[in-house]
Amino acid sequence: MPKIDGFEATRVIRLSDTDTPIAALCVSVLKEDIKKLNKSVRITI
């Protein structure tokens, strides 16, 4: 199992680099996940 999830990895990347594109794929999308994603990367889908 990974030490951190994709949300945390995105947060860490954004702390040091705001230019690198990040693409994320998921097999299931829950409303809670979308809210968490928007909060972690500060964008709206």
PDB file of N, CA and C in Angstrom:
ATOM      1  N   MET A   1       0.837  -1.184   0.000  1.00  0.00           N
ATOM      2  CA  MET A   1       0.000   0.000   0.000  1.00  0.00           C
ATOM      3  C   MET A   1       0.885   1.253   0.000  1.00  0.00           C
ATOM      4  N   PRO A   2       0.470   2.260  -0.739  1.00  0.00           N
ATOM      5  CA  PRO A   2       1.239   3.505  -0.756  1.00  0.00           C
ATOM      6  C   PRO A   2       1.165   4.227   0.594  1.00  0.00           C
ATOM      7  N   LYS A   3       2.183   5.010   0.857  1.00  0.00           N
ATOM      8  CA  LYS A   3       2.232   5.781   2.111  1.00  0.00           C
ATOM      9  C   LYS A   3       1.246   6.948   2.093  1.00  0.00           C
ATOM     10  N   ILE A   4       1.004   7.521   0.886  1.00  0.00           N
ATOM     11  CA  ILE A   4       0.053   8.629   0.774  1.00  0.00           C
ATOM     12  C   ILE A   4      -0.880   8.369  -0.406  1.00  0.00           C
ATOM     13  N   ASP A   5      -2.061   8.984  -0.357  1.00  0.00           N
ATOM     14  CA  ASP A   5      -3.011   8.812  -1.455  1.00  0.00           C
ATOM     15  C   ASP A   5      -2.782   9.883  -2.525  1.00  0.00           C
ATOM     16  N   GLY A   6      -3.556   9.831  -3.582  1.00  0.00           N
ATOM     17  CA  GLY A   6      -3.401  10.768  -4.686  1.00  0.00           C
ATOM     18  C   GLY A   6      -3.686  12.208  -4.305  1.00  0.00           C
ATOM     19  N   PHE A   7      -4.622  12.421  -3.381  1.00  0.00           N
ATOM     20  CA  PHE A   7      -4.931  13.773  -2.933  1.00  0.00           C
ATOM     21  C   PHE A   7      -3.719  14.385  -2.226  1.00  0.00           C
ATOM     22  N   GLU A   8      -3.120  13.612  -1.349  1.00  0.00           N
ATOM     23  CA  GLU A   8      -1.948  14.092  -0.619  1.00  0.00           C
ATOM     24  C   GLU A   8      -0.764  14.278  -1.565  1.00  0.00           C
ATOM     25  N   ALA A   9      -0.579  13.356  -2.494  1.00  0.00           N
ATOM     26  CA  ALA A   9       0.515  13.488  -3.469  1.00  0.00           C
ATOM     27  C   ALA A   9       0.356  14.763  -4.288  1.00  0.00           C
ATOM     28  N   THR A  10      -0.867  15.071  -4.696  1.00  0.00           N
ATOM     29  CA  THR A  10      -1.132  16.297  -5.453  1.00  0.00           C
ATOM     30  C   THR A  10      -0.805  17.518  -4.612  1.00  0.00           C
ATOM     31  N   ARG A  11      -1.201  17.496  -3.356  1.00  0.00           N
ATOM     32  CA  ARG A  11      -0.913  18.627  -2.466  1.00  0.00           C
ATOM     33  C   ARG A  11       0.579  18.847  -2.328  1.00  0.00           C
ATOM     34  N   VAL A  12       1.338  17.773  -2.148  1.00  0.00           N
ATOM     35  CA  VAL A  12       2.781  17.872  -1.999  1.00  0.00           C
ATOM     36  C   VAL A  12       3.429  18.410  -3.280  1.00  0.00           C
ATOM     37  N   ILE A  13       2.996  17.915  -4.431  1.00  0.00           N
ATOM     38  CA  ILE A  13       3.533  18.393  -5.708  1.00  0.00           C
ATOM     39  C   ILE A  13       3.260  19.886  -5.864  1.00  0.00           C
ATOM     40  N   ARG A  14       2.059  20.316  -5.563  1.00  0.00           N
ATOM     41  CA  ARG A  14       1.691  21.722  -5.726  1.00  0.00           C
ATOM     42  C   ARG A  14       2.437  22.648  -4.778  1.00  0.00           C
ATOM     43  N   LEU A  15       2.872  22.155  -3.640  1.00  0.00           N
ATOM     44  CA  LEU A  15       3.650  22.980  -2.711  1.00  0.00           C
ATOM     45  C   LEU A  15       4.991  23.385  -3.303  1.00  0.00           C
ATOM     46  N   SER A  16       5.557  22.522  -4.141  1.00  0.00           N
ATOM     47  CA  SER A  16       6.875  22.816  -4.695  1.00  0.00           C
ATOM     48  C   SER A  16       6.863  23.155  -6.177  1.00  0.00           C
ATOM     49  N   ASP A  17       5.772  22.844  -6.867  1.00  0.00           N
ATOM     50  CA  ASP A  17       5.735  23.034  -8.319  1.00  0.00           C
ATOM     51  C   ASP A  17       4.306  23.272  -8.769  1.00  0.00           C
ATOM     52  N   THR A  18       4.044  24.476  -9.270  1.00  0.00           N
ATOM     53  CA  THR A  18       2.680  24.787  -9.697  1.00  0.00           C
ATOM     54  C   THR A  18       2.490  24.651 -11.203  1.00  0.00           C
ATOM     55  N   ASP A  19       3.552  24.325 -11.930  1.00  0.00           N
ATOM     56  CA  ASP A  19       3.469  24.255 -13.392  1.00  0.00           C
ATOM     57  C   ASP A  19       3.281  22.851 -13.948  1.00  0.00           C
ATOM     58  N   THR A  20       3.641  21.843 -13.201  1.00  0.00           N
ATOM     59  CA  THR A  20       3.553  20.475 -13.681  1.00  0.00           C
ATOM     60  C   THR A  20       2.098  20.030 -13.778  1.00  0.00           C
ATOM     61  N   PRO A  21       1.663  19.597 -14.968  1.00  0.00           N
ATOM     62  CA  PRO A  21       0.285  19.107 -15.084  1.00  0.00           C
ATOM     63  C   PRO A  21       0.110  17.808 -14.292  1.00  0.00           C
ATOM     64  N   ILE A  22      -1.047  17.653 -13.697  1.00  0.00           N
ATOM     65  CA  ILE A  22      -1.366  16.442 -12.957  1.00  0.00           C
ATOM     66  C   ILE A  22      -2.648  15.869 -13.547  1.00  0.00           C
ATOM     67  N   ALA A  23      -2.573  14.634 -14.003  1.00  0.00           N
ATOM     68  CA  ALA A  23      -3.751  13.950 -14.533  1.00  0.00           C
ATOM     69  C   ALA A  23      -4.134  12.848 -13.561  1.00  0.00           C
ATOM     70  N   ALA A  24      -5.414  12.754 -13.260  1.00  0.00           N
ATOM     71  CA  ALA A  24      -5.884  11.747 -12.320  1.00  0.00           C
ATOM     72  C   ALA A  24      -7.009  10.938 -12.949  1.00  0.00           C
ATOM     73  N   LEU A  25      -6.978   9.641 -12.725  1.00  0.00           N
ATOM     74  CA  LEU A  25      -8.021   8.743 -13.202  1.00  0.00           C
ATOM     75  C   LEU A  25      -8.606   8.000 -12.013  1.00  0.00           C
ATOM     76  N   CYS A  26      -9.886   7.738 -12.091  1.00  0.00           N
ATOM     77  CA  CYS A  26     -10.548   7.022 -11.016  1.00  0.00           C
ATOM     78  C   CYS A  26     -11.668   6.173 -11.609  1.00  0.00           C
ATOM     79  N   VAL A  27     -11.885   5.003 -11.060  1.00  0.00           N
ATOM     80  CA  VAL A  27     -12.944   4.135 -11.570  1.00  0.00           C
ATOM     81  C   VAL A  27     -14.302   4.447 -10.949  1.00  0.00           C
ATOM     82  N   SER A  28     -14.290   5.171  -9.846  1.00  0.00           N
ATOM     83  CA  SER A  28     -15.549   5.588  -9.238  1.00  0.00           C
ATOM     84  C   SER A  28     -15.414   7.020  -8.760  1.00  0.00           C
ATOM     85  N   VAL A  29     -16.480   7.775  -8.908  1.00  0.00           N
ATOM     86  CA  VAL A  29     -16.438   9.170  -8.492  1.00  0.00           C
ATOM     87  C   VAL A  29     -17.633   9.446  -7.594  1.00  0.00           C
ATOM     88  N   LEU A  30     -17.334   9.780  -6.364  1.00  0.00           N
ATOM     89  CA  LEU A  30     -18.362  10.147  -5.405  1.00  0.00           C
ATOM     90  C   LEU A  30     -18.341  11.659  -5.223  1.00  0.00           C
ATOM     91  N   LYS A  31     -19.457  12.231  -4.854  1.00  0.00           N
ATOM     92  CA  LYS A  31     -19.518  13.681  -4.639  1.00  0.00           C
ATOM     93  C   LYS A  31     -18.473  14.129  -3.621  1.00  0.00           C
ATOM     94  N   GLU A  32     -18.250  13.327  -2.599  1.00  0.00           N
ATOM     95  CA  GLU A  32     -17.261  13.660  -1.576  1.00  0.00           C
ATOM     96  C   GLU A  32     -15.852  13.712  -2.180  1.00  0.00           C
ATOM     97  N   ASP A  33     -15.571  12.800  -3.129  1.00  0.00           N
ATOM     98  CA  ASP A  33     -14.260  12.789  -3.775  1.00  0.00           C
ATOM     99  C   ASP A  33     -14.059  14.037  -4.625  1.00  0.00           C
ATOM    100  N   ILE A  34     -15.101  14.469  -5.321  1.00  0.00           N
ATOM    101  CA  ILE A  34     -14.999  15.672  -6.140  1.00  0.00           C
ATOM    102  C   ILE A  34     -14.742  16.886  -5.260  1.00  0.00           C
ATOM    103  N   LYS A  35     -15.431  16.986  -4.141  1.00  0.00           N
ATOM    104  CA  LYS A  35     -15.210  18.099  -3.215  1.00  0.00           C
ATOM    105  C   LYS A  35     -13.794  18.066  -2.662  1.00  0.00           C
ATOM    106  N   LYS A  36     -13.306  16.879  -2.317  1.00  0.00           N
ATOM    107  CA  LYS A  36     -11.956  16.732  -1.789  1.00  0.00           C
ATOM    108  C   LYS A  36     -10.926  17.110  -2.852  1.00  0.00           C
ATOM    109  N   LEU A  37     -11.147  16.708  -4.088  1.00  0.00           N
ATOM    110  CA  LEU A  37     -10.245  17.051  -5.184  1.00  0.00           C
ATOM    111  C   LEU A  37     -10.206  18.557  -5.391  1.00  0.00           C
ATOM    112  N   ASN A  38     -11.360  19.183  -5.466  1.00  0.00           N
ATOM    113  CA  ASN A  38     -11.415  20.630  -5.657  1.00  0.00           C
ATOM    114  C   ASN A  38     -10.673  21.363  -4.553  1.00  0.00           C
ATOM    115  N   LYS A  39     -10.816  20.891  -3.335  1.00  0.00           N
ATOM    116  CA  LYS A  39     -10.134  21.517  -2.210  1.00  0.00           C
ATOM    117  C   LYS A  39      -8.624  21.308  -2.274  1.00  0.00           C
ATOM    118  N   SER A  40      -8.199  20.113  -2.672  1.00  0.00           N
ATOM    119  CA  SER A  40      -6.766  19.809  -2.656  1.00  0.00           C
ATOM    120  C   SER A  40      -5.999  20.490  -3.783  1.00  0.00           C
ATOM    121  N   VAL A  41      -6.624  20.693  -4.930  1.00  0.00           N
ATOM    122  CA  VAL A  41      -5.898  21.302  -6.053  1.00  0.00           C
ATOM    123  C   VAL A  41      -6.386  22.703  -6.368  1.00  0.00           C
ATOM    124  N   ARG A  42      -7.380  23.166  -5.642  1.00  0.00           N
ATOM    125  CA  ARG A  42      -7.905  24.518  -5.802  1.00  0.00           C
ATOM    126  C   ARG A  42      -8.393  24.807  -7.208  1.00  0.00           C
ATOM    127  N   ILE A  43      -9.127  23.859  -7.786  1.00  0.00           N
ATOM    128  CA  ILE A  43      -9.756  24.066  -9.092  1.00  0.00           C
ATOM    129  C   ILE A  43     -11.186  23.579  -9.019  1.00  0.00           C
ATOM    130  N   THR A  44     -11.951  23.916  -9.999  1.00  0.00           N
ATOM    131  CA  THR A  44     -13.310  23.418 -10.094  1.00  0.00           C
ATOM    132  C   THR A  44     -13.438  22.612 -11.357  1.00  0.00           C
ATOM    133  N   ILE A  45     -14.038  21.446 -11.248  1.00  0.00           N
ATOM    134  CA  ILE A  45     -14.222  20.584 -12.411  1.00  0.00           C
ATOM    135  C   ILE A  45     -15.561  20.905 -13.039  1.00  0.00           C
TER     136      ILE A  45
END
